[in-house]
N, C-alpha and C. Protein backbone atom coordinates (compact mmCIF):
# COMPACT_ATOMS: atom_id res chain seq x y z
N MET A 1 -62.04 -46.00 -36.51
CA MET A 1 -62.18 -47.36 -36.48
C MET A 1 -62.92 -47.61 -35.01
N ALA A 2 -63.61 -48.46 -34.97
CA ALA A 2 -64.20 -48.98 -33.61
C ALA A 2 -63.43 -49.36 -32.65
N GLN A 3 -63.69 -48.87 -31.41
CA GLN A 3 -62.89 -49.35 -30.20
C GLN A 3 -63.54 -50.73 -29.78
N LEU A 4 -62.51 -51.66 -29.41
CA LEU A 4 -62.88 -52.62 -29.03
C LEU A 4 -62.29 -53.15 -27.42
N VAL A 5 -62.91 -53.60 -26.83
CA VAL A 5 -62.48 -54.16 -25.16
C VAL A 5 -63.10 -55.40 -25.03
N GLU A 6 -62.01 -56.15 -24.47
CA GLU A 6 -62.25 -57.65 -24.06
C GLU A 6 -62.77 -57.56 -22.42
N CYS A 7 -63.77 -58.33 -22.15
CA CYS A 7 -64.00 -58.42 -20.70
C CYS A 7 -64.13 -59.86 -20.38
N ILE A 8 -63.64 -60.26 -19.26
CA ILE A 8 -63.45 -61.77 -18.95
C ILE A 8 -63.96 -61.90 -17.47
N PRO A 9 -65.15 -61.75 -17.12
CA PRO A 9 -65.61 -62.03 -15.77
C PRO A 9 -65.73 -63.48 -15.49
N ASN A 10 -65.37 -63.59 -14.01
CA ASN A 10 -65.60 -64.95 -13.50
C ASN A 10 -66.45 -64.85 -12.31
N PHE A 11 -67.33 -65.66 -12.40
CA PHE A 11 -68.40 -65.90 -11.34
C PHE A 11 -68.55 -67.24 -10.58
N SER A 12 -68.98 -67.23 -9.21
CA SER A 12 -68.71 -68.26 -8.53
C SER A 12 -69.74 -69.42 -8.76
N ASN A 13 -70.22 -69.93 -9.82
CA ASN A 13 -70.97 -71.02 -9.95
C ASN A 13 -70.51 -71.79 -11.26
N GLY A 14 -70.26 -73.02 -11.12
CA GLY A 14 -69.98 -73.88 -12.23
C GLY A 14 -70.56 -75.22 -12.29
N GLN A 15 -71.99 -75.24 -11.42
CA GLN A 15 -72.51 -76.56 -11.37
C GLN A 15 -74.01 -76.41 -11.79
N ASP A 16 -74.54 -75.20 -11.62
CA ASP A 16 -76.07 -75.01 -11.88
C ASP A 16 -76.38 -74.51 -13.21
N LYS A 17 -76.61 -75.22 -14.06
CA LYS A 17 -76.66 -74.91 -15.50
C LYS A 17 -77.70 -73.59 -15.74
N GLU A 18 -78.93 -73.75 -14.95
CA GLU A 18 -79.67 -72.73 -15.15
C GLU A 18 -79.22 -71.44 -14.60
N ILE A 19 -78.66 -71.28 -13.42
CA ILE A 19 -77.83 -70.23 -13.12
C ILE A 19 -76.76 -69.68 -13.97
N ILE A 20 -75.81 -70.58 -14.45
CA ILE A 20 -74.85 -70.37 -15.48
C ILE A 20 -75.48 -69.48 -16.57
N GLU A 21 -76.61 -70.22 -17.15
CA GLU A 21 -77.05 -69.60 -18.58
C GLU A 21 -78.02 -68.31 -18.18
N ALA A 22 -78.43 -68.16 -17.04
CA ALA A 22 -79.23 -67.01 -16.72
C ALA A 22 -78.06 -65.74 -16.49
N ILE A 23 -76.91 -66.15 -16.06
CA ILE A 23 -75.81 -64.95 -15.98
C ILE A 23 -75.23 -64.76 -17.25
N VAL A 24 -74.92 -65.77 -18.07
CA VAL A 24 -74.30 -65.36 -19.45
C VAL A 24 -75.38 -64.94 -20.26
N ASN A 25 -76.76 -65.02 -20.10
CA ASN A 25 -77.64 -64.30 -20.96
C ASN A 25 -77.72 -62.90 -20.85
N GLU A 26 -77.15 -62.57 -19.67
CA GLU A 26 -77.04 -60.89 -19.71
C GLU A 26 -76.10 -60.21 -20.51
N VAL A 27 -75.19 -61.24 -21.00
CA VAL A 27 -74.21 -60.70 -22.06
C VAL A 27 -74.91 -60.86 -23.35
N ARG A 28 -75.55 -61.88 -23.62
CA ARG A 28 -76.35 -62.22 -24.80
C ARG A 28 -77.25 -61.00 -25.17
N SER A 29 -78.02 -60.52 -24.05
CA SER A 29 -79.05 -59.46 -24.24
C SER A 29 -78.61 -58.20 -24.45
N THR A 30 -77.17 -57.92 -24.36
CA THR A 30 -76.66 -56.57 -24.29
C THR A 30 -76.10 -56.11 -25.84
N ALA A 31 -76.77 -55.08 -26.07
CA ALA A 31 -76.21 -54.44 -27.40
C ALA A 31 -74.66 -54.10 -27.40
N GLY A 32 -74.10 -54.22 -28.58
CA GLY A 32 -72.52 -53.81 -28.61
C GLY A 32 -71.61 -54.61 -28.12
N VAL A 33 -72.00 -55.75 -27.68
CA VAL A 33 -70.85 -56.83 -27.39
C VAL A 33 -71.31 -58.20 -28.02
N THR A 34 -70.14 -58.87 -28.14
CA THR A 34 -70.47 -60.38 -28.79
C THR A 34 -69.77 -61.37 -27.76
N LEU A 35 -70.53 -62.22 -27.37
CA LEU A 35 -70.06 -63.44 -26.55
C LEU A 35 -69.14 -64.19 -27.44
N LEU A 36 -67.96 -64.44 -26.79
CA LEU A 36 -67.00 -65.25 -27.52
C LEU A 36 -66.74 -66.71 -26.81
N ASP A 37 -66.98 -66.77 -25.77
CA ASP A 37 -66.85 -68.04 -24.98
C ASP A 37 -67.24 -68.13 -23.40
N TYR A 38 -67.81 -69.11 -23.15
CA TYR A 38 -67.98 -69.38 -21.74
C TYR A 38 -67.64 -70.83 -21.31
N SER A 39 -67.06 -71.12 -20.12
CA SER A 39 -66.86 -72.27 -19.79
C SER A 39 -66.93 -72.62 -18.16
N SER A 40 -67.32 -73.74 -17.79
CA SER A 40 -67.48 -73.89 -16.22
C SER A 40 -66.78 -75.08 -15.74
N ASP A 41 -66.45 -74.89 -14.64
CA ASP A 41 -65.60 -76.07 -13.88
C ASP A 41 -66.49 -76.39 -12.68
N THR A 42 -66.95 -77.80 -12.64
CA THR A 42 -67.65 -78.25 -11.59
C THR A 42 -66.90 -78.32 -10.32
N SER A 43 -65.72 -78.83 -10.24
CA SER A 43 -64.99 -78.95 -9.07
C SER A 43 -64.49 -77.57 -8.59
N HIS A 44 -64.23 -76.60 -9.54
CA HIS A 44 -63.90 -75.31 -8.98
C HIS A 44 -65.05 -74.59 -8.56
N ASN A 45 -66.33 -75.07 -9.12
CA ASN A 45 -67.69 -74.54 -8.94
C ASN A 45 -67.50 -72.99 -9.24
N ARG A 46 -67.06 -72.82 -10.62
CA ARG A 46 -66.63 -71.33 -11.20
C ARG A 46 -66.84 -71.28 -12.55
N SER A 47 -67.24 -70.21 -13.19
CA SER A 47 -67.42 -69.95 -14.56
C SER A 47 -66.59 -69.01 -15.07
N VAL A 48 -66.10 -69.04 -16.37
CA VAL A 48 -65.32 -67.79 -16.97
C VAL A 48 -66.09 -67.51 -18.35
N VAL A 49 -66.31 -66.32 -18.39
CA VAL A 49 -67.22 -65.67 -19.48
C VAL A 49 -66.26 -64.68 -20.31
N THR A 50 -65.95 -64.80 -21.68
CA THR A 50 -65.40 -63.89 -22.33
C THR A 50 -66.17 -63.17 -23.52
N PHE A 51 -66.16 -61.93 -23.47
CA PHE A 51 -66.88 -61.14 -24.67
C PHE A 51 -66.13 -60.04 -24.94
N ILE A 52 -66.56 -59.38 -25.90
CA ILE A 52 -66.00 -58.20 -26.53
C ILE A 52 -66.80 -57.25 -27.00
N GLY A 53 -66.36 -56.01 -27.27
CA GLY A 53 -67.23 -55.10 -27.68
C GLY A 53 -66.91 -53.55 -27.26
N SER A 54 -67.90 -52.86 -27.74
CA SER A 54 -67.54 -51.41 -27.38
C SER A 54 -67.48 -51.05 -26.01
N PRO A 55 -66.66 -49.82 -25.76
CA PRO A 55 -66.51 -49.49 -24.33
C PRO A 55 -67.86 -49.45 -23.54
N GLU A 56 -68.81 -48.98 -23.96
CA GLU A 56 -70.32 -48.73 -23.33
C GLU A 56 -70.94 -50.04 -23.38
N GLY A 57 -70.74 -51.04 -24.32
CA GLY A 57 -71.42 -52.24 -24.23
C GLY A 57 -70.80 -53.09 -23.39
N VAL A 58 -69.38 -53.34 -23.15
CA VAL A 58 -68.72 -54.23 -22.08
C VAL A 58 -69.23 -53.48 -20.74
N GLU A 59 -69.30 -52.28 -20.62
CA GLU A 59 -69.41 -51.86 -19.18
C GLU A 59 -70.93 -52.29 -18.89
N GLU A 60 -71.93 -52.17 -19.83
CA GLU A 60 -72.93 -52.57 -19.60
C GLU A 60 -73.42 -53.99 -19.09
N ALA A 61 -72.76 -54.73 -19.98
CA ALA A 61 -72.82 -56.10 -19.83
C ALA A 61 -72.05 -56.66 -18.58
N ALA A 62 -71.10 -56.04 -18.05
CA ALA A 62 -70.46 -56.45 -16.88
C ALA A 62 -71.19 -56.17 -15.72
N VAL A 63 -72.05 -55.02 -15.70
CA VAL A 63 -72.73 -54.60 -14.66
C VAL A 63 -74.08 -55.41 -14.59
N LYS A 64 -74.71 -55.71 -15.68
CA LYS A 64 -75.65 -56.67 -15.60
C LYS A 64 -75.35 -58.11 -15.08
N MET A 65 -74.12 -58.41 -15.48
CA MET A 65 -73.74 -59.75 -15.00
C MET A 65 -73.71 -59.78 -13.28
N ALA A 66 -73.09 -58.56 -12.95
CA ALA A 66 -72.94 -58.46 -11.43
C ALA A 66 -74.02 -58.58 -10.64
N VAL A 67 -75.17 -57.84 -11.21
CA VAL A 67 -76.48 -57.68 -10.63
C VAL A 67 -77.01 -58.97 -10.47
N LYS A 68 -77.12 -59.62 -11.67
CA LYS A 68 -77.59 -61.26 -12.13
C LYS A 68 -77.00 -62.05 -10.87
N SER A 69 -75.70 -61.94 -10.89
CA SER A 69 -74.72 -63.04 -9.76
C SER A 69 -75.17 -62.80 -8.43
N ALA A 70 -75.53 -61.39 -8.13
CA ALA A 70 -75.72 -61.13 -6.52
C ALA A 70 -77.26 -61.64 -6.34
N GLN A 71 -77.88 -61.67 -7.38
CA GLN A 71 -79.46 -62.07 -6.99
C GLN A 71 -79.30 -63.78 -7.10
N LEU A 72 -78.58 -64.41 -7.91
CA LEU A 72 -78.67 -65.81 -7.78
C LEU A 72 -77.60 -66.64 -7.04
N ILE A 73 -76.67 -66.09 -6.67
CA ILE A 73 -75.25 -66.84 -5.86
C ILE A 73 -75.37 -66.37 -4.43
N ASP A 74 -75.40 -67.27 -3.54
CA ASP A 74 -75.16 -67.06 -2.17
C ASP A 74 -73.85 -67.82 -1.67
N LEU A 75 -72.96 -67.08 -1.69
CA LEU A 75 -71.67 -67.71 -1.25
C LEU A 75 -71.59 -68.49 0.19
N ASN A 76 -72.69 -68.06 0.94
CA ASN A 76 -72.71 -68.90 2.24
C ASN A 76 -72.86 -70.44 2.03
N HIS A 77 -73.35 -70.75 0.91
CA HIS A 77 -73.66 -72.15 0.64
C HIS A 77 -72.80 -72.51 -0.64
N HIS A 78 -71.78 -71.90 -0.84
CA HIS A 78 -70.94 -72.26 -1.97
C HIS A 78 -69.60 -72.88 -1.66
N LYS A 79 -69.44 -74.04 -2.18
CA LYS A 79 -68.11 -74.84 -1.91
C LYS A 79 -67.45 -75.14 -3.67
N GLY A 80 -66.15 -75.00 -3.39
CA GLY A 80 -65.46 -75.23 -4.64
C GLY A 80 -63.98 -75.05 -4.45
N GLU A 81 -63.19 -75.62 -5.31
CA GLU A 81 -61.76 -75.80 -5.06
C GLU A 81 -61.16 -74.45 -5.35
N HIS A 82 -61.68 -73.62 -6.13
CA HIS A 82 -61.05 -72.26 -6.67
C HIS A 82 -61.18 -71.21 -5.54
N PRO A 83 -60.16 -70.43 -5.12
CA PRO A 83 -60.43 -69.38 -4.15
C PRO A 83 -61.48 -68.28 -4.70
N ARG A 84 -62.22 -67.89 -3.79
CA ARG A 84 -63.16 -66.90 -4.33
C ARG A 84 -63.68 -66.09 -3.18
N MET A 85 -64.10 -64.74 -3.61
CA MET A 85 -64.34 -63.66 -2.60
C MET A 85 -65.71 -63.08 -2.93
N GLY A 86 -66.20 -63.26 -4.15
CA GLY A 86 -67.50 -62.63 -4.51
C GLY A 86 -68.40 -63.82 -5.59
N ALA A 87 -69.59 -63.45 -5.43
CA ALA A 87 -70.59 -64.13 -6.58
C ALA A 87 -70.07 -63.93 -7.96
N ILE A 88 -69.69 -62.60 -8.01
CA ILE A 88 -68.98 -62.39 -9.25
C ILE A 88 -67.85 -61.99 -8.78
N ASP A 89 -66.56 -62.71 -9.04
CA ASP A 89 -65.28 -62.83 -8.42
C ASP A 89 -64.30 -61.65 -8.89
N VAL A 90 -64.24 -61.58 -10.31
CA VAL A 90 -63.30 -60.74 -10.77
C VAL A 90 -63.75 -60.26 -12.16
N ILE A 91 -63.51 -58.84 -12.56
CA ILE A 91 -64.21 -58.20 -13.93
C ILE A 91 -62.98 -57.47 -14.28
N PRO A 92 -62.17 -58.05 -15.14
CA PRO A 92 -61.11 -57.57 -15.95
C PRO A 92 -61.34 -56.99 -17.27
N PHE A 93 -60.79 -55.85 -17.64
CA PHE A 93 -61.07 -55.08 -18.90
C PHE A 93 -59.72 -54.99 -19.62
N VAL A 94 -59.73 -55.52 -20.75
CA VAL A 94 -58.31 -55.57 -21.66
C VAL A 94 -58.48 -54.86 -22.89
N PRO A 95 -57.64 -53.95 -23.26
CA PRO A 95 -57.80 -53.05 -24.63
C PRO A 95 -57.40 -53.92 -25.58
N VAL A 96 -58.16 -54.13 -26.77
CA VAL A 96 -58.08 -54.89 -27.73
C VAL A 96 -57.75 -54.03 -29.00
N LYS A 97 -58.59 -53.14 -29.37
CA LYS A 97 -58.32 -52.21 -30.66
C LYS A 97 -58.72 -50.85 -30.31
N ASP A 98 -57.82 -50.02 -30.91
CA ASP A 98 -58.00 -48.33 -30.65
C ASP A 98 -58.37 -47.97 -29.44
N ILE A 99 -57.86 -48.42 -28.55
CA ILE A 99 -58.40 -48.17 -27.12
C ILE A 99 -57.13 -48.40 -26.37
N THR A 100 -56.84 -47.38 -25.31
CA THR A 100 -55.67 -47.31 -24.42
C THR A 100 -56.02 -47.98 -22.96
N GLU A 101 -54.93 -48.41 -22.44
CA GLU A 101 -55.05 -48.88 -21.04
C GLU A 101 -55.70 -47.77 -20.12
N ALA A 102 -55.32 -46.68 -20.44
CA ALA A 102 -55.77 -45.71 -19.63
C ALA A 102 -57.36 -45.54 -19.71
N GLU A 103 -57.77 -45.48 -20.88
CA GLU A 103 -59.22 -45.67 -21.15
C GLU A 103 -60.01 -46.72 -20.43
N CYS A 104 -59.26 -48.11 -20.53
CA CYS A 104 -59.73 -49.11 -19.86
C CYS A 104 -59.72 -49.00 -18.28
N ILE A 105 -58.95 -48.30 -17.91
CA ILE A 105 -58.90 -47.90 -16.44
C ILE A 105 -60.18 -46.94 -16.00
N GLU A 106 -60.52 -46.06 -16.96
CA GLU A 106 -61.81 -45.25 -16.65
C GLU A 106 -62.81 -46.28 -16.91
N ILE A 107 -62.93 -47.19 -17.64
CA ILE A 107 -64.11 -47.98 -17.77
C ILE A 107 -64.16 -48.92 -16.55
N SER A 108 -63.20 -49.41 -16.05
CA SER A 108 -63.24 -50.10 -14.79
C SER A 108 -63.81 -49.37 -13.61
N LYS A 109 -63.33 -47.96 -13.51
CA LYS A 109 -63.74 -47.18 -12.60
C LYS A 109 -65.37 -46.95 -12.63
N ARG A 110 -65.69 -46.69 -13.93
CA ARG A 110 -67.25 -46.44 -13.87
C ARG A 110 -68.05 -47.69 -13.71
N THR A 111 -67.53 -48.86 -13.92
CA THR A 111 -67.99 -50.11 -13.85
C THR A 111 -68.16 -50.28 -12.37
N ALA A 112 -67.09 -50.12 -11.52
CA ALA A 112 -66.82 -50.26 -10.29
C ALA A 112 -67.96 -49.51 -9.30
N GLN A 113 -68.05 -48.27 -9.96
CA GLN A 113 -69.17 -47.45 -9.08
C GLN A 113 -70.40 -47.95 -9.58
N ARG A 114 -70.84 -48.43 -10.69
CA ARG A 114 -72.21 -48.88 -10.88
C ARG A 114 -72.32 -50.29 -10.42
N VAL A 115 -71.54 -51.09 -10.06
CA VAL A 115 -71.67 -52.40 -9.48
C VAL A 115 -71.92 -52.29 -8.13
N TRP A 116 -71.43 -51.17 -7.27
CA TRP A 116 -71.82 -50.75 -5.96
C TRP A 116 -73.24 -50.13 -6.07
N ASP A 117 -73.48 -49.27 -6.85
CA ASP A 117 -74.61 -48.68 -6.75
C ASP A 117 -75.86 -49.48 -7.11
N GLU A 118 -75.64 -50.52 -8.15
CA GLU A 118 -76.82 -51.26 -8.73
C GLU A 118 -76.68 -52.86 -8.12
N ALA A 119 -75.66 -53.24 -7.89
CA ALA A 119 -75.79 -54.70 -7.19
C ALA A 119 -75.30 -54.55 -5.77
N LYS A 120 -74.77 -53.48 -5.21
CA LYS A 120 -74.51 -53.54 -3.85
C LYS A 120 -73.42 -54.55 -3.43
N ILE A 121 -72.61 -54.65 -4.30
CA ILE A 121 -71.30 -55.29 -4.08
C ILE A 121 -70.21 -54.55 -3.96
N PRO A 122 -69.36 -54.35 -2.86
CA PRO A 122 -68.25 -53.63 -2.86
C PRO A 122 -67.23 -53.88 -3.77
N VAL A 123 -66.41 -52.96 -4.13
CA VAL A 123 -65.40 -53.24 -5.09
C VAL A 123 -64.01 -52.97 -4.56
N PHE A 124 -63.06 -53.81 -5.11
CA PHE A 124 -61.51 -53.47 -5.15
C PHE A 124 -61.22 -53.12 -6.41
N LEU A 125 -60.38 -52.20 -6.78
CA LEU A 125 -59.68 -51.73 -8.15
C LEU A 125 -58.33 -52.63 -8.12
N TYR A 126 -58.16 -53.26 -9.00
CA TYR A 126 -56.97 -54.02 -9.05
C TYR A 126 -56.05 -54.01 -10.35
N GLU A 127 -55.00 -54.50 -10.55
CA GLU A 127 -54.09 -54.53 -11.69
C GLU A 127 -53.88 -52.99 -11.91
N SER A 128 -54.04 -52.57 -13.28
CA SER A 128 -53.64 -51.28 -13.68
C SER A 128 -54.45 -50.20 -12.81
N SER A 129 -55.68 -50.68 -12.45
CA SER A 129 -56.53 -49.60 -11.95
C SER A 129 -56.38 -49.45 -10.47
N ALA A 130 -55.53 -50.31 -10.07
CA ALA A 130 -55.33 -50.51 -8.33
C ALA A 130 -55.24 -48.85 -7.78
N SER A 131 -55.64 -48.70 -6.70
CA SER A 131 -55.60 -47.35 -5.92
C SER A 131 -54.25 -47.52 -5.03
N ALA A 132 -53.59 -48.51 -4.89
CA ALA A 132 -52.25 -48.67 -4.13
C ALA A 132 -51.51 -49.96 -4.67
N PRO A 133 -50.33 -49.85 -4.41
CA PRO A 133 -49.38 -51.01 -4.98
C PRO A 133 -49.70 -52.28 -4.43
N HIS A 134 -50.26 -52.22 -2.91
CA HIS A 134 -50.48 -53.65 -2.36
C HIS A 134 -51.90 -54.18 -2.86
N ARG A 135 -52.53 -53.38 -3.73
CA ARG A 135 -53.98 -53.77 -4.08
C ARG A 135 -53.73 -54.28 -5.88
N GLN A 136 -52.65 -54.26 -6.15
CA GLN A 136 -52.38 -54.66 -7.62
C GLN A 136 -52.64 -56.14 -7.96
N ASN A 137 -52.23 -56.98 -7.17
CA ASN A 137 -52.45 -58.58 -7.20
C ASN A 137 -53.68 -58.91 -6.84
N LEU A 138 -54.21 -59.68 -7.47
CA LEU A 138 -55.55 -60.31 -7.25
C LEU A 138 -55.48 -61.28 -6.12
N ALA A 139 -54.44 -61.97 -6.09
CA ALA A 139 -54.33 -63.14 -5.01
C ALA A 139 -54.40 -62.22 -3.68
N ALA A 140 -53.48 -61.29 -3.56
CA ALA A 140 -53.40 -60.44 -2.29
C ALA A 140 -54.80 -59.88 -1.77
N ILE A 141 -55.64 -59.35 -2.91
CA ILE A 141 -56.94 -59.06 -2.35
C ILE A 141 -57.95 -60.17 -1.91
N ARG A 142 -57.74 -61.34 -2.71
CA ARG A 142 -58.59 -62.32 -2.49
C ARG A 142 -58.44 -63.13 -1.29
N LYS A 143 -57.22 -62.91 -0.68
CA LYS A 143 -56.71 -63.71 0.49
C LYS A 143 -57.69 -63.54 1.76
N GLY A 144 -57.88 -64.73 2.18
CA GLY A 144 -58.81 -64.75 3.33
C GLY A 144 -60.30 -65.10 2.82
N GLN A 145 -60.40 -64.94 1.32
CA GLN A 145 -61.77 -65.60 0.71
C GLN A 145 -63.01 -64.78 1.26
N PHE A 146 -64.05 -65.32 0.83
CA PHE A 146 -65.46 -64.71 1.45
C PHE A 146 -65.56 -64.92 2.69
N GLU A 147 -65.05 -65.94 3.49
CA GLU A 147 -65.46 -66.27 4.87
C GLU A 147 -64.71 -65.31 5.65
N GLY A 148 -63.27 -64.67 5.28
CA GLY A 148 -62.55 -63.97 6.05
C GLY A 148 -62.58 -62.54 5.55
N MET A 149 -63.64 -62.17 4.44
CA MET A 149 -63.56 -61.01 4.07
C MET A 149 -64.24 -59.91 5.04
N ALA A 150 -65.30 -60.40 5.61
CA ALA A 150 -65.88 -59.23 6.45
C ALA A 150 -65.06 -58.81 7.57
N GLU A 151 -63.89 -59.66 8.13
CA GLU A 151 -62.90 -59.04 9.02
C GLU A 151 -61.83 -58.21 8.25
N LYS A 152 -61.52 -58.84 7.12
CA LYS A 152 -60.44 -57.99 6.53
C LYS A 152 -60.54 -56.71 6.14
N VAL A 153 -62.08 -56.47 5.59
CA VAL A 153 -62.19 -55.08 5.16
C VAL A 153 -62.36 -54.03 6.30
N LYS A 154 -62.40 -54.50 7.64
CA LYS A 154 -62.31 -53.39 8.83
C LYS A 154 -60.98 -52.82 8.82
N ASP A 155 -59.77 -53.48 8.30
CA ASP A 155 -58.76 -52.98 8.29
C ASP A 155 -58.40 -51.78 7.13
N PRO A 156 -58.06 -50.49 7.59
CA PRO A 156 -58.26 -49.30 6.54
C PRO A 156 -57.42 -49.81 5.24
N GLN A 157 -56.36 -50.65 5.51
CA GLN A 157 -55.43 -50.82 4.47
C GLN A 157 -56.26 -51.83 3.22
N TRP A 158 -57.42 -52.27 3.80
CA TRP A 158 -58.17 -53.25 2.97
C TRP A 158 -59.44 -52.80 2.92
N ALA A 159 -59.86 -51.58 3.07
CA ALA A 159 -61.24 -51.18 2.93
C ALA A 159 -61.65 -51.25 1.37
N PRO A 160 -62.83 -51.43 0.94
CA PRO A 160 -62.94 -51.34 -0.54
C PRO A 160 -63.04 -50.13 -1.03
N ASP A 161 -62.51 -50.08 -2.36
CA ASP A 161 -62.36 -48.74 -3.26
C ASP A 161 -64.01 -48.06 -3.31
N TYR A 162 -64.90 -48.86 -3.50
CA TYR A 162 -66.23 -48.41 -3.72
C TYR A 162 -67.22 -49.16 -2.71
N GLY A 163 -67.92 -48.53 -1.91
CA GLY A 163 -68.88 -49.40 -1.08
C GLY A 163 -68.30 -49.53 0.25
N THR A 164 -68.82 -50.21 1.18
CA THR A 164 -68.46 -50.45 2.36
C THR A 164 -68.68 -51.86 2.92
N GLY A 165 -67.81 -52.58 3.98
CA GLY A 165 -68.31 -53.80 4.34
C GLY A 165 -68.21 -54.87 3.13
N ILE A 166 -68.83 -56.12 3.28
CA ILE A 166 -69.49 -56.87 2.15
C ILE A 166 -70.84 -57.02 1.92
N ASN A 167 -71.01 -57.64 0.78
CA ASN A 167 -72.33 -57.97 0.72
C ASN A 167 -72.51 -59.40 1.35
N PRO A 168 -73.49 -59.47 2.28
CA PRO A 168 -73.86 -60.71 3.05
C PRO A 168 -73.84 -62.10 2.42
N THR A 169 -74.33 -62.07 1.08
CA THR A 169 -74.32 -63.20 0.25
C THR A 169 -73.32 -63.07 -1.03
N ALA A 170 -73.21 -62.05 -1.63
CA ALA A 170 -72.47 -61.88 -2.70
C ALA A 170 -70.80 -61.41 -2.56
N GLY A 171 -70.53 -61.36 -1.37
CA GLY A 171 -69.11 -60.93 -0.95
C GLY A 171 -68.81 -59.47 -1.54
N VAL A 172 -67.38 -59.40 -2.16
CA VAL A 172 -66.79 -58.37 -2.92
C VAL A 172 -66.34 -58.95 -4.31
N VAL A 173 -66.17 -57.84 -5.02
CA VAL A 173 -65.38 -58.21 -6.33
C VAL A 173 -64.36 -57.41 -6.71
N ALA A 174 -63.32 -57.86 -7.44
CA ALA A 174 -62.25 -57.17 -8.04
C ALA A 174 -62.49 -56.71 -9.45
N VAL A 175 -62.20 -55.11 -9.67
CA VAL A 175 -62.49 -54.78 -11.04
C VAL A 175 -61.17 -53.90 -11.43
N GLY A 176 -60.77 -54.18 -12.84
CA GLY A 176 -59.82 -53.65 -13.13
C GLY A 176 -59.45 -53.71 -14.53
N ALA A 177 -58.34 -52.86 -15.10
CA ALA A 177 -57.76 -53.02 -16.45
C ALA A 177 -56.64 -53.72 -16.18
N ARG A 178 -56.24 -54.69 -17.35
CA ARG A 178 -55.03 -55.42 -17.37
C ARG A 178 -54.80 -55.80 -18.78
N PRO A 179 -53.25 -56.26 -18.79
CA PRO A 179 -53.12 -56.75 -20.45
C PRO A 179 -53.57 -58.18 -20.43
N PRO A 180 -53.46 -58.66 -21.75
CA PRO A 180 -54.09 -60.13 -22.08
C PRO A 180 -53.43 -61.17 -20.96
N LEU A 181 -53.94 -62.26 -20.74
CA LEU A 181 -53.46 -63.03 -19.69
C LEU A 181 -53.72 -64.42 -20.19
N VAL A 182 -52.86 -65.26 -20.00
CA VAL A 182 -52.83 -66.65 -20.39
C VAL A 182 -52.79 -67.48 -18.98
N ALA A 183 -53.99 -68.18 -18.61
CA ALA A 183 -54.00 -68.80 -17.61
C ALA A 183 -54.44 -70.35 -17.72
N TYR A 184 -53.77 -71.29 -16.82
CA TYR A 184 -54.19 -72.66 -16.86
C TYR A 184 -53.88 -72.98 -15.80
N ASN A 185 -54.30 -74.38 -15.48
CA ASN A 185 -54.21 -75.02 -14.08
C ASN A 185 -53.39 -76.30 -14.21
N ILE A 186 -52.55 -76.66 -13.31
CA ILE A 186 -51.54 -77.79 -13.28
C ILE A 186 -52.18 -78.54 -11.97
N ASN A 187 -52.26 -79.82 -12.08
CA ASN A 187 -52.52 -80.67 -11.02
C ASN A 187 -51.31 -81.36 -10.42
N LEU A 188 -51.01 -81.31 -9.19
CA LEU A 188 -49.76 -81.56 -8.63
C LEU A 188 -50.15 -82.75 -7.79
N ASN A 189 -49.33 -83.86 -7.78
CA ASN A 189 -49.39 -84.99 -6.84
C ASN A 189 -48.86 -84.71 -5.46
N THR A 190 -48.99 -83.39 -5.02
CA THR A 190 -48.31 -83.18 -3.49
C THR A 190 -49.19 -82.26 -2.95
N SER A 191 -49.13 -82.11 -1.70
CA SER A 191 -49.92 -80.91 -0.90
C SER A 191 -48.82 -79.80 -0.43
N ASP A 192 -47.69 -79.82 -1.07
CA ASP A 192 -46.52 -79.03 -0.51
C ASP A 192 -46.61 -77.75 -1.54
N LEU A 193 -47.13 -76.63 -0.88
CA LEU A 193 -47.22 -75.34 -1.33
C LEU A 193 -46.10 -74.87 -1.86
N THR A 194 -44.84 -75.35 -1.32
CA THR A 194 -43.55 -74.57 -1.86
C THR A 194 -43.35 -75.07 -3.07
N ILE A 195 -43.50 -76.54 -3.48
CA ILE A 195 -43.51 -76.96 -4.74
C ILE A 195 -44.23 -76.13 -5.72
N ALA A 196 -45.42 -76.05 -5.69
CA ALA A 196 -46.28 -75.36 -6.39
C ALA A 196 -45.58 -73.89 -6.64
N SER A 197 -45.28 -73.27 -5.61
CA SER A 197 -44.82 -71.71 -5.58
C SER A 197 -43.62 -71.74 -6.61
N ASN A 198 -42.81 -72.62 -6.57
CA ASN A 198 -41.55 -72.89 -7.34
C ASN A 198 -41.71 -73.00 -8.61
N ILE A 199 -42.72 -73.98 -8.77
CA ILE A 199 -43.20 -74.02 -10.31
C ILE A 199 -43.88 -72.71 -11.15
N ALA A 200 -44.74 -72.10 -10.18
CA ALA A 200 -45.22 -70.83 -10.85
C ALA A 200 -44.21 -69.92 -10.90
N LYS A 201 -42.90 -69.64 -10.22
CA LYS A 201 -42.16 -68.71 -10.32
C LYS A 201 -41.27 -69.08 -11.49
N ILE A 202 -41.11 -70.23 -11.90
CA ILE A 202 -40.26 -70.60 -12.99
C ILE A 202 -41.14 -70.21 -14.34
N ILE A 203 -42.50 -70.38 -14.40
CA ILE A 203 -43.15 -70.37 -15.56
C ILE A 203 -43.31 -68.79 -15.54
């Protein structure tokens, strides 16, 4: 049976249709993968892409998206409601069929090395691929966002797993293997973060 891996990269542009299509086209033009869906949010200024395919195909498409994102997105001029630290912000790999989480971890590590080599974006491994327990949670890695990341990575506790420093326009990216995830947004009529945290814990 053919192995199937799902990949759900998020990149930091949800407003410029030409840029969005150029990045998504990197998936369309890659052999061995099928584009399932992509959506953009203008207020978040962020796009989410979902594709599935062979381990080799998803790795190749993810790297191509990272390279294109680095070419087209400058976070120095990016504004949006969603927290972000990279032009391509996160690249998760999810085992779907006849493939183990351990194999997806290896895909994530190969991808991470190539993203640094080919896009010059430093990489944090996260979730099941994390190199240390404090790096498993994406929100912990992203804390400080693009604007604070250059200072954050000077701390040895937060040095990237691949590469050094940050890309001056494309920031950094989190890459990892994880289980399937259901994510959605709730608009709250309050600025009290305690209320939001309590709701999140209940859910």
